[in-house]
Amino acid sequence: MLSPGTIRSRTHKEYKVMSKKNIKGGEVGMRKIHISTSIDGLLALSDRELTRLLRSVQDENGYHPTLEEFKKYLNEEKANGHRLLPSPECDNFDPVIGCLGHDD
């Protein structure tokens, strides 16, 4: 059974962005920002598109949800005020804002 926060896609992307770590010294470093997935965007997909996408979705035990289970999960997350799903490697995530960033 699916529970909130357990579904993550095996496909993910990371973006690195420039950020000033020390404004006084002007030191510039790289900061990693993971991509996140819009719950509303997933719910807007047709059943056919969502079923195709589900091939790359699984829980922490490797279970692939059915279309109905996944839609229920998405609606539960949305009802909890969440707007986004995290990328698998992101451990600094806010379900409304997205990845909060990672220093290299």
PDB file of N, CA and C in Angstrom:
ATOM      1  N   MET A   1       0.837  -1.179   0.000  1.00  0.00           N
ATOM      2  CA  MET A   1       0.000   0.000   0.000  1.00  0.00           C
ATOM      3  C   MET A   1       0.883   1.242   0.000  1.00  0.00           C
ATOM      4  N   LEU A   2       0.455   2.254  -0.678  1.00  0.00           N
ATOM      5  CA  LEU A   2       1.216   3.492  -0.779  1.00  0.00           C
ATOM      6  C   LEU A   2       0.938   4.388   0.419  1.00  0.00           C
ATOM      7  N   SER A   3       1.958   5.075   0.846  1.00  0.00           N
ATOM      8  CA  SER A   3       1.778   6.053   1.918  1.00  0.00           C
ATOM      9  C   SER A   3       2.425   7.364   1.486  1.00  0.00           C
ATOM     10  N   PRO A   4       1.940   8.479   2.003  1.00  0.00           N
ATOM     11  CA  PRO A   4       2.488   9.774   1.595  1.00  0.00           C
ATOM     12  C   PRO A   4       4.002   9.843   1.746  1.00  0.00           C
ATOM     13  N   GLY A   5       4.643  10.391   0.736  1.00  0.00           N
ATOM     14  CA  GLY A   5       6.087  10.580   0.766  1.00  0.00           C
ATOM     15  C   GLY A   5       6.902   9.378   0.343  1.00  0.00           C
ATOM     16  N   THR A   6       6.265   8.289  -0.112  1.00  0.00           N
ATOM     17  CA  THR A   6       7.034   7.093  -0.453  1.00  0.00           C
ATOM     18  C   THR A   6       7.280   6.927  -1.947  1.00  0.00           C
ATOM     19  N   ILE A   7       6.522   7.606  -2.780  1.00  0.00           N
ATOM     20  CA  ILE A   7       6.658   7.418  -4.217  1.00  0.00           C
ATOM     21  C   ILE A   7       7.703   8.366  -4.783  1.00  0.00           C
ATOM     22  N   ARG A   8       8.621   7.814  -5.520  1.00  0.00           N
ATOM     23  CA  ARG A   8       9.631   8.620  -6.196  1.00  0.00           C
ATOM     24  C   ARG A   8       9.932   7.997  -7.547  1.00  0.00           C
ATOM     25  N   SER A   9      10.098   8.822  -8.526  1.00  0.00           N
ATOM     26  CA  SER A   9      10.426   8.341  -9.857  1.00  0.00           C
ATOM     27  C   SER A   9      11.894   7.957  -9.906  1.00  0.00           C
ATOM     28  N   ARG A  10      12.220   6.920 -10.678  1.00  0.00           N
ATOM     29  CA  ARG A  10      13.609   6.534 -10.839  1.00  0.00           C
ATOM     30  C   ARG A  10      14.348   7.520 -11.728  1.00  0.00           C
ATOM     31  N   THR A  11      13.619   8.273 -12.524  1.00  0.00           N
ATOM     32  CA  THR A  11      14.256   9.274 -13.373  1.00  0.00           C
ATOM     33  C   THR A  11      14.265  10.594 -12.630  1.00  0.00           C
ATOM     34  N   HIS A  12      15.389  11.241 -12.618  1.00  0.00           N
ATOM     35  CA  HIS A  12      15.493  12.525 -11.941  1.00  0.00           C
ATOM     36  C   HIS A  12      16.591  13.345 -12.586  1.00  0.00           C
ATOM     37  N   LYS A  13      16.583  14.615 -12.294  1.00  0.00           N
ATOM     38  CA  LYS A  13      17.618  15.507 -12.807  1.00  0.00           C
ATOM     39  C   LYS A  13      18.092  16.397 -11.677  1.00  0.00           C
ATOM     40  N   GLU A  14      19.306  16.853 -11.809  1.00  0.00           N
ATOM     41  CA  GLU A  14      19.862  17.789 -10.849  1.00  0.00           C
ATOM     42  C   GLU A  14      20.339  19.004 -11.627  1.00  0.00           C
ATOM     43  N   TYR A  15      20.181  20.143 -11.036  1.00  0.00           N
ATOM     44  CA  TYR A  15      20.667  21.372 -11.636  1.00  0.00           C
ATOM     45  C   TYR A  15      21.650  22.011 -10.683  1.00  0.00           C
ATOM     46  N   LYS A  16      22.702  22.562 -11.220  1.00  0.00           N
ATOM     47  CA  LYS A  16      23.643  23.300 -10.390  1.00  0.00           C
ATOM     48  C   LYS A  16      23.491  24.770 -10.738  1.00  0.00           C
ATOM     49  N   VAL A  17      23.384  25.576  -9.710  1.00  0.00           N
ATOM     50  CA  VAL A  17      23.207  27.004  -9.913  1.00  0.00           C
ATOM     51  C   VAL A  17      24.283  27.756  -9.138  1.00  0.00           C
ATOM     52  N   MET A  18      24.639  28.912  -9.648  1.00  0.00           N
ATOM     53  CA  MET A  18      25.616  29.748  -8.967  1.00  0.00           C
ATOM     54  C   MET A  18      24.937  30.448  -7.794  1.00  0.00           C
ATOM     55  N   SER A  19      25.599  30.485  -6.675  1.00  0.00           N
ATOM     56  CA  SER A  19      25.071  31.221  -5.529  1.00  0.00           C
ATOM     57  C   SER A  19      26.239  31.870  -4.805  1.00  0.00           C
ATOM     58  N   LYS A  20      26.011  33.045  -4.271  1.00  0.00           N
ATOM     59  CA  LYS A  20      27.054  33.733  -3.509  1.00  0.00           C
ATOM     60  C   LYS A  20      27.029  33.184  -2.090  1.00  0.00           C
ATOM     61  N   LYS A  21      28.112  32.558  -1.694  1.00  0.00           N
ATOM     62  CA  LYS A  21      28.192  32.007  -0.345  1.00  0.00           C
ATOM     63  C   LYS A  21      28.611  33.086   0.650  1.00  0.00           C
ATOM     64  N   ASN A  22      29.419  34.017   0.206  1.00  0.00           N
ATOM     65  CA  ASN A  22      29.914  35.050   1.096  1.00  0.00           C
ATOM     66  C   ASN A  22      29.836  36.377   0.341  1.00  0.00           C
ATOM     67  N   ILE A  23      28.829  37.148   0.638  1.00  0.00           N
ATOM     68  CA  ILE A  23      28.613  38.393  -0.094  1.00  0.00           C
ATOM     69  C   ILE A  23      29.776  39.362   0.119  1.00  0.00           C
ATOM     70  N   LYS A  24      30.310  39.455   1.331  1.00  0.00           N
ATOM     71  CA  LYS A  24      31.394  40.404   1.609  1.00  0.00           C
ATOM     72  C   LYS A  24      32.644  40.074   0.799  1.00  0.00           C
ATOM     73  N   GLY A  25      33.014  38.806   0.789  1.00  0.00           N
ATOM     74  CA  GLY A  25      34.227  38.409   0.079  1.00  0.00           C
ATOM     75  C   GLY A  25      33.991  38.139  -1.399  1.00  0.00           C
ATOM     76  N   GLY A  26      32.736  38.078  -1.799  1.00  0.00           N
ATOM     77  CA  GLY A  26      32.437  37.826  -3.203  1.00  0.00           C
ATOM     78  C   GLY A  26      32.687  36.390  -3.637  1.00  0.00           C
ATOM     79  N   GLU A  27      32.889  35.496  -2.684  1.00  0.00           N
ATOM     80  CA  GLU A  27      33.132  34.091  -3.021  1.00  0.00           C
ATOM     81  C   GLU A  27      31.884  33.506  -3.673  1.00  0.00           C
ATOM     82  N   VAL A  28      32.077  32.844  -4.798  1.00  0.00           N
ATOM     83  CA  VAL A  28      30.956  32.240  -5.510  1.00  0.00           C
ATOM     84  C   VAL A  28      31.164  30.737  -5.531  1.00  0.00           C
ATOM     85  N   GLY A  29      30.113  29.984  -5.233  1.00  0.00           N
ATOM     86  CA  GLY A  29      30.203  28.528  -5.240  1.00  0.00           C
ATOM     87  C   GLY A  29      29.057  27.921  -6.007  1.00  0.00           C
ATOM     88  N   MET A  30      29.118  26.614  -6.167  1.00  0.00           N
ATOM     89  CA  MET A  30      28.055  25.893  -6.861  1.00  0.00           C
ATOM     90  C   MET A  30      27.091  25.323  -5.835  1.00  0.00           C
ATOM     91  N   ARG A  31      25.829  25.349  -6.167  1.00  0.00           N
ATOM     92  CA  ARG A  31      24.777  24.805  -5.310  1.00  0.00           C
ATOM     93  C   ARG A  31      23.937  23.885  -6.168  1.00  0.00           C
ATOM     94  N   LYS A  32      23.690  22.669  -5.673  1.00  0.00           N
ATOM     95  CA  LYS A  32      22.900  21.695  -6.423  1.00  0.00           C
ATOM     96  C   LYS A  32      21.429  21.860  -6.070  1.00  0.00           C
ATOM     97  N   ILE A  33      20.577  21.923  -7.088  1.00  0.00           N
ATOM     98  CA  ILE A  33      19.132  22.010  -6.907  1.00  0.00           C
ATOM     99  C   ILE A  33      18.501  20.842  -7.669  1.00  0.00           C
ATOM    100  N   HIS A  34      17.787  19.968  -6.964  1.00  0.00           N
ATOM    101  CA  HIS A  34      17.112  18.842  -7.619  1.00  0.00           C
ATOM    102  C   HIS A  34      15.810  19.304  -8.264  1.00  0.00           C
ATOM    103  N   ILE A  35      15.447  18.658  -9.327  1.00  0.00           N
ATOM    104  CA  ILE A  35      14.172  18.930  -9.982  1.00  0.00           C
ATOM    105  C   ILE A  35      13.068  18.244  -9.178  1.00  0.00           C
ATOM    106  N   SER A  36      11.891  18.815  -9.180  1.00  0.00           N
ATOM    107  CA  SER A  36      10.742  18.204  -8.511  1.00  0.00           C
ATOM    108  C   SER A  36       9.608  18.074  -9.520  1.00  0.00           C
ATOM    109  N   THR A  37       8.583  17.311  -9.166  1.00  0.00           N
ATOM    110  CA  THR A  37       7.477  17.042 -10.072  1.00  0.00           C
ATOM    111  C   THR A  37       6.190  17.629  -9.530  1.00  0.00           C
ATOM    112  N   SER A  38       5.469  18.341 -10.377  1.00  0.00           N
ATOM    113  CA  SER A  38       4.211  18.974 -10.000  1.00  0.00           C
ATOM    114  C   SER A  38       3.099  17.938  -9.865  1.00  0.00           C
ATOM    115  N   ILE A  39       2.443  17.927  -8.717  1.00  0.00           N
ATOM    116  CA  ILE A  39       1.307  17.025  -8.503  1.00  0.00           C
ATOM    117  C   ILE A  39       0.165  17.397  -9.443  1.00  0.00           C
ATOM    118  N   ASP A  40      -0.127  18.693  -9.580  1.00  0.00           N
ATOM    119  CA  ASP A  40      -1.177  19.125 -10.509  1.00  0.00           C
ATOM    120  C   ASP A  40      -0.846  18.726 -11.950  1.00  0.00           C
ATOM    121  N   GLY A  41       0.435  18.827 -12.297  1.00  0.00           N
ATOM    122  CA  GLY A  41       0.861  18.423 -13.641  1.00  0.00           C
ATOM    123  C   GLY A  41       0.623  16.946 -13.894  1.00  0.00           C
ATOM    124  N   LEU A  42       0.901  16.109 -12.898  1.00  0.00           N
ATOM    125  CA  LEU A  42       0.657  14.672 -13.047  1.00  0.00           C
ATOM    126  C   LEU A  42      -0.832  14.379 -13.134  1.00  0.00           C
ATOM    127  N   LEU A  43      -1.629  15.059 -12.315  1.00  0.00           N
ATOM    128  CA  LEU A  43      -3.079  14.823 -12.334  1.00  0.00           C
ATOM    129  C   LEU A  43      -3.721  15.307 -13.632  1.00  0.00           C
ATOM    130  N   ALA A  44      -3.069  16.227 -14.340  1.00  0.00           N
ATOM    131  CA  ALA A  44      -3.600  16.735 -15.605  1.00  0.00           C
ATOM    132  C   ALA A  44      -3.339  15.787 -16.773  1.00  0.00           C
ATOM    133  N   LEU A  45      -2.455  14.809 -16.578  1.00  0.00           N
ATOM    134  CA  LEU A  45      -2.158  13.845 -17.651  1.00  0.00           C
ATOM    135  C   LEU A  45      -3.344  12.916 -17.885  1.00  0.00           C
ATOM    136  N   SER A  46      -3.444  12.435 -19.107  1.00  0.00           N
ATOM    137  CA  SER A  46      -4.485  11.455 -19.413  1.00  0.00           C
ATOM    138  C   SER A  46      -4.125  10.136 -18.729  1.00  0.00           C
ATOM    139  N   ASP A  47      -5.107   9.243 -18.589  1.00  0.00           N
ATOM    140  CA  ASP A  47      -4.836   7.935 -17.977  1.00  0.00           C
ATOM    141  C   ASP A  47      -3.762   7.187 -18.754  1.00  0.00           C
ATOM    142  N   ARG A  48      -3.790   7.314 -20.060  1.00  0.00           N
ATOM    143  CA  ARG A  48      -2.804   6.625 -20.901  1.00  0.00           C
ATOM    144  C   ARG A  48      -1.394   7.167 -20.625  1.00  0.00           C
ATOM    145  N   GLU A  49      -1.259   8.499 -20.554  1.00  0.00           N
ATOM    146  CA  GLU A  49       0.050   9.093 -20.285  1.00  0.00           C
ATOM    147  C   GLU A  49       0.545   8.740 -18.883  1.00  0.00           C
ATOM    148  N   LEU A  50      -0.344   8.769 -17.928  1.00  0.00           N
ATOM    149  CA  LEU A  50       0.024   8.464 -16.551  1.00  0.00           C
ATOM    150  C   LEU A  50       0.412   6.990 -16.393  1.00  0.00           C
ATOM    151  N   THR A  51      -0.300   6.101 -17.075  1.00  0.00           N
ATOM    152  CA  THR A  51       0.030   4.670 -17.036  1.00  0.00           C
ATOM    153  C   THR A  51       1.425   4.441 -17.610  1.00  0.00           C
ATOM    154  N   ARG A  52       1.749   5.124 -18.685  1.00  0.00           N
ATOM    155  CA  ARG A  52       3.078   5.009 -19.288  1.00  0.00           C
ATOM    156  C   ARG A  52       4.156   5.499 -18.326  1.00  0.00           C
ATOM    157  N   LEU A  53       3.880   6.593 -17.653  1.00  0.00           N
ATOM    158  CA  LEU A  53       4.818   7.160 -16.695  1.00  0.00           C
ATOM    159  C   LEU A  53       5.038   6.227 -15.498  1.00  0.00           C
ATOM    160  N   LEU A  54       4.011   5.496 -15.113  1.00  0.00           N
ATOM    161  CA  LEU A  54       4.090   4.632 -13.926  1.00  0.00           C
ATOM    162  C   LEU A  54       5.130   3.524 -14.054  1.00  0.00           C
ATOM    163  N   ARG A  55       5.595   3.248 -15.254  1.00  0.00           N
ATOM    164  CA  ARG A  55       6.649   2.235 -15.419  1.00  0.00           C
ATOM    165  C   ARG A  55       7.923   2.641 -14.680  1.00  0.00           C
ATOM    166  N   SER A  56       8.117   3.947 -14.484  1.00  0.00           N
ATOM    167  CA  SER A  56       9.337   4.415 -13.810  1.00  0.00           C
ATOM    168  C   SER A  56       9.081   4.832 -12.364  1.00  0.00           C
ATOM    169  N   VAL A  57       7.909   4.523 -11.832  1.00  0.00           N
ATOM    170  CA  VAL A  57       7.555   4.921 -10.467  1.00  0.00           C
ATOM    171  C   VAL A  57       7.452   3.679  -9.579  1.00  0.00           C
ATOM    172  N   GLN A  58       8.059   3.768  -8.395  1.00  0.00           N
ATOM    173  CA  GLN A  58       7.974   2.653  -7.440  1.00  0.00           C
ATOM    174  C   GLN A  58       8.168   3.184  -6.031  1.00  0.00           C
ATOM    175  N   ASP A  59       7.732   2.390  -5.048  1.00  0.00           N
ATOM    176  CA  ASP A  59       7.961   2.793  -3.667  1.00  0.00           C
ATOM    177  C   ASP A  59       9.320   2.268  -3.212  1.00  0.00           C
ATOM    178  N   GLU A  60       9.647   2.467  -1.939  1.00  0.00           N
ATOM    179  CA  GLU A  60      10.967   2.066  -1.442  1.00  0.00           C
ATOM    180  C   GLU A  60      11.194   0.557  -1.471  1.00  0.00           C
ATOM    181  N   ASN A  61      10.128  -0.236  -1.622  1.00  0.00           N
ATOM    182  CA  ASN A  61      10.258  -1.696  -1.698  1.00  0.00           C
ATOM    183  C   ASN A  61      10.248  -2.215  -3.131  1.00  0.00           C
ATOM    184  N   GLY A  62      10.194  -1.315  -4.114  1.00  0.00           N
ATOM    185  CA  GLY A  62      10.195  -1.723  -5.517  1.00  0.00           C
ATOM    186  C   GLY A  62       8.808  -1.984  -6.083  1.00  0.00           C
ATOM    187  N   TYR A  63       7.765  -1.706  -5.302  1.00  0.00           N
ATOM    188  CA  TYR A  63       6.386  -1.940  -5.748  1.00  0.00           C
ATOM    189  C   TYR A  63       5.953  -0.860  -6.739  1.00  0.00           C
ATOM    190  N   HIS A  64       5.407  -1.264  -7.874  1.00  0.00           N
ATOM    191  CA  HIS A  64       4.874  -0.341  -8.869  1.00  0.00           C
ATOM    192  C   HIS A  64       3.366  -0.201  -8.647  1.00  0.00           C
ATOM    193  N   PRO A  65       2.887   1.006  -8.324  1.00  0.00           N
ATOM    194  CA  PRO A  65       1.462   1.180  -8.038  1.00  0.00           C
ATOM    195  C   PRO A  65       0.593   1.075  -9.282  1.00  0.00           C
ATOM    196  N   THR A  66      -0.662   0.743  -9.075  1.00  0.00           N
ATOM    197  CA  THR A  66      -1.631   0.760 -10.170  1.00  0.00           C
ATOM    198  C   THR A  66      -2.016   2.213 -10.435  1.00  0.00           C
ATOM    199  N   LEU A  67      -2.671   2.453 -11.538  1.00  0.00           N
ATOM    200  CA  LEU A  67      -3.121   3.797 -11.881  1.00  0.00           C
ATOM    201  C   LEU A  67      -4.024   4.359 -10.781  1.00  0.00           C
ATOM    202  N   GLU A  68      -4.949   3.550 -10.295  1.00  0.00           N
ATOM    203  CA  GLU A  68      -5.878   3.999  -9.260  1.00  0.00           C
ATOM    204  C   GLU A  68      -5.146   4.330  -7.958  1.00  0.00           C
ATOM    205  N   GLU A  69      -4.192   3.485  -7.566  1.00  0.00           N
ATOM    206  CA  GLU A  69      -3.410   3.736  -6.345  1.00  0.00           C
ATOM    207  C   GLU A  69      -2.608   5.022  -6.467  1.00  0.00           C
ATOM    208  N   PHE A  70      -2.024   5.240  -7.639  1.00  0.00           N
ATOM    209  CA  PHE A  70      -1.194   6.420  -7.832  1.00  0.00           C
ATOM    210  C   PHE A  70      -2.034   7.699  -7.822  1.00  0.00           C
ATOM    211  N   LYS A  71      -3.198   7.662  -8.472  1.00  0.00           N
ATOM    212  CA  LYS A  71      -4.081   8.828  -8.453  1.00  0.00           C
ATOM    213  C   LYS A  71      -4.551   9.128  -7.031  1.00  0.00           C
ATOM    214  N   LYS A  72      -4.850   8.091  -6.266  1.00  0.00           N
ATOM    215  CA  LYS A  72      -5.268   8.270  -4.876  1.00  0.00           C
ATOM    216  C   LYS A  72      -4.134   8.901  -4.075  1.00  0.00           C
ATOM    217  N   TYR A  73      -2.927   8.398  -4.268  1.00  0.00           N
ATOM    218  CA  TYR A  73      -1.745   8.941  -3.594  1.00  0.00           C
ATOM    219  C   TYR A  73      -1.563  10.422  -3.933  1.00  0.00           C
ATOM    220  N   LEU A  74      -1.647  10.765  -5.218  1.00  0.00           N
ATOM    221  CA  LEU A  74      -1.479  12.158  -5.642  1.00  0.00           C
ATOM    222  C   LEU A  74      -2.542  13.060  -5.015  1.00  0.00           C
ATOM    223  N   ASN A  75      -3.779  12.590  -5.001  1.00  0.00           N
ATOM    224  CA  ASN A  75      -4.858  13.383  -4.410  1.00  0.00           C
ATOM    225  C   ASN A  75      -4.694  13.542  -2.902  1.00  0.00           C
ATOM    226  N   GLU A  76      -4.175  12.522  -2.220  1.00  0.00           N
ATOM    227  CA  GLU A  76      -3.905  12.620  -0.783  1.00  0.00           C
ATOM    228  C   GLU A  76      -2.799  13.638  -0.516  1.00  0.00           C
ATOM    229  N   GLU A  77      -1.753  13.590  -1.323  1.00  0.00           N
ATOM    230  CA  GLU A  77      -0.663  14.553  -1.172  1.00  0.00           C
ATOM    231  C   GLU A  77      -1.175  15.976  -1.396  1.00  0.00           C
ATOM    232  N   LYS A  78      -2.008  16.145  -2.410  1.00  0.00           N
ATOM    233  CA  LYS A  78      -2.574  17.466  -2.706  1.00  0.00           C
ATOM    234  C   LYS A  78      -3.477  17.932  -1.556  1.00  0.00           C
ATOM    235  N   ALA A  79      -4.272  17.024  -1.003  1.00  0.00           N
ATOM    236  CA  ALA A  79      -5.157  17.359   0.122  1.00  0.00           C
ATOM    237  C   ALA A  79      -4.354  17.781   1.355  1.00  0.00           C
ATOM    238  N   ASN A  80      -3.128  17.290   1.479  1.00  0.00           N
ATOM    239  CA  ASN A  80      -2.241  17.667   2.589  1.00  0.00           C
ATOM    240  C   ASN A  80      -1.526  18.996   2.327  1.00  0.00           C
ATOM    241  N   GLY A  81      -1.861  19.643   1.215  1.00  0.00           N
ATOM    242  CA  GLY A  81      -1.259  20.930   0.897  1.00  0.00           C
ATOM    243  C   GLY A  81       0.038  20.846   0.118  1.00  0.00           C
ATOM    244  N   HIS A  82       0.411  19.650  -0.291  1.00  0.00           N
ATOM    245  CA  HIS A  82       1.646  19.467  -1.051  1.00  0.00           C
ATOM    246  C   HIS A  82       1.411  19.803  -2.519  1.00  0.00           C
ATOM    247  N   ARG A  83       2.401  20.448  -3.133  1.00  0.00           N
ATOM    248  CA  ARG A  83       2.318  20.810  -4.548  1.00  0.00           C
ATOM    249  C   ARG A  83       3.298  20.024  -5.398  1.00  0.00           C
ATOM    250  N   LEU A  84       4.368  19.501  -4.775  1.00  0.00           N
ATOM    251  CA  LEU A  84       5.462  18.886  -5.519  1.00  0.00           C
ATOM    252  C   LEU A  84       5.879  17.549  -4.919  1.00  0.00           C
ATOM    253  N   LEU A  85       6.441  16.685  -5.768  1.00  0.00           N
ATOM    254  CA  LEU A  85       7.045  15.421  -5.340  1.00  0.00           C
ATOM    255  C   LEU A  85       8.555  15.544  -5.515  1.00  0.00           C
ATOM    256  N   PRO A  86       9.326  14.975  -4.583  1.00  0.00           N
ATOM    257  CA  PRO A  86      10.782  15.120  -4.656  1.00  0.00           C
ATOM    258  C   PRO A  86      11.441  14.180  -5.643  1.00  0.00           C
ATOM    259  N   SER A  87      12.643  14.520  -5.996  1.00  0.00           N
ATOM    260  CA  SER A  87      13.526  13.651  -6.748  1.00  0.00           C
ATOM    261  C   SER A  87      14.112  12.644  -5.756  1.00  0.00           C
ATOM    262  N   PRO A  88      14.456  11.439  -6.179  1.00  0.00           N
ATOM    263  CA  PRO A  88      14.889  10.394  -5.236  1.00  0.00           C
ATOM    264  C   PRO A  88      16.057  10.762  -4.320  1.00  0.00           C
ATOM    265  N   GLU A  89      17.034  11.500  -4.801  1.00  0.00           N
ATOM    266  CA  GLU A  89      18.210  11.804  -3.994  1.00  0.00           C
ATOM    267  C   GLU A  89      18.057  13.031  -3.108  1.00  0.00           C
ATOM    268  N   CYS A  90      16.945  13.726  -3.190  1.00  0.00           N
ATOM    269  CA  CYS A  90      16.801  14.981  -2.455  1.00  0.00           C
ATOM    270  C   CYS A  90      16.419  14.722  -0.997  1.00  0.00           C
ATOM    271  N   ASP A  91      17.279  15.193  -0.087  1.00  0.00           N
ATOM    272  CA  ASP A  91      16.996  15.048   1.342  1.00  0.00           C
ATOM    273  C   ASP A  91      16.785  16.415   2.013  1.00  0.00           C
ATOM    274  N   ASN A  92      16.605  17.434   1.199  1.00  0.00           N
ATOM    275  CA  ASN A  92      16.363  18.789   1.702  1.00  0.00           C
ATOM    276  C   ASN A  92      15.205  19.369   0.886  1.00  0.00           C
ATOM    277  N   PHE A  93      14.017  18.813   1.103  1.00  0.00           N
ATOM    278  CA  PHE A  93      12.877  19.075   0.237  1.00  0.00           C
ATOM    279  C   PHE A  93      11.699  19.650   1.006  1.00  0.00           C
ATOM    280  N   ASP A  94      11.057  20.622   0.398  1.00  0.00           N
ATOM    281  CA  ASP A  94       9.822  21.187   0.917  1.00  0.00           C
ATOM    282  C   ASP A  94       8.731  20.880  -0.104  1.00  0.00           C
ATOM    283  N   PRO A  95       7.610  20.240   0.290  1.00  0.00           N
ATOM    284  CA  PRO A  95       6.588  19.822  -0.674  1.00  0.00           C
ATOM    285  C   PRO A  95       5.814  20.959  -1.321  1.00  0.00           C
ATOM    286  N   VAL A  96       6.046  22.178  -0.887  1.00  0.00           N
ATOM    287  CA  VAL A  96       5.399  23.334  -1.517  1.00  0.00           C
ATOM    288  C   VAL A  96       6.392  24.095  -2.387  1.00  0.00           C
ATOM    289  N   ILE A  97       7.623  24.255  -1.903  1.00  0.00           N
ATOM    290  CA  ILE A  97       8.651  25.025  -2.605  1.00  0.00           C
ATOM    291  C   ILE A  97       9.485  24.169  -3.535  1.00  0.00           C
ATOM    292  N   GLY A  98       9.822  22.965  -3.119  1.00  0.00           N
ATOM    293  CA  GLY A  98      10.707  22.075  -3.883  1.00  0.00           C
ATOM    294  C   GLY A  98      12.022  21.911  -3.167  1.00  0.00           C
ATOM    295  N   CYS A  99      13.055  21.544  -3.921  1.00  0.00           N
ATOM    296  CA  CYS A  99      14.393  21.336  -3.350  1.00  0.00           C
ATOM    297  C   CYS A  99      14.900  22.659  -2.796  1.00  0.00           C
ATOM    298  N   LEU A 100      15.391  22.609  -1.561  1.00  0.00           N
ATOM    299  CA  LEU A 100      15.915  23.803  -0.903  1.00  0.00           C
ATOM    300  C   LEU A 100      17.395  24.007  -1.174  1.00  0.00           C
ATOM    301  N   GLY A 101      17.987  23.094  -1.931  1.00  0.00           N
ATOM    302  CA  GLY A 101      19.372  23.240  -2.343  1.00  0.00           C
ATOM    303  C   GLY A 101      20.350  22.453  -1.489  1.00  0.00           C
ATOM    304  N   HIS A 102      21.502  22.162  -2.100  1.00  0.00           N
ATOM    305  CA  HIS A 102      22.563  21.381  -1.461  1.00  0.00           C
ATOM    306  C   HIS A 102      23.892  22.015  -1.832  1.00  0.00           C
ATOM    307  N   ASP A 103      24.740  22.274  -0.841  1.00  0.00           N
ATOM    308  CA  ASP A 103      26.071  22.784  -1.111  1.00  0.00           C
ATOM    309  C   ASP A 103      26.952  21.622  -1.527  1.00  0.00           C
ATOM    310  N   ASP A 104      27.825  21.868  -2.485  1.00  0.00           N
ATOM    311  CA  ASP A 104      28.774  20.820  -2.910  1.00  0.00           C
ATOM    312  C   ASP A 104      29.913  20.697  -1.952  1.00  0.00           C
TER     313      ASP A 104
END
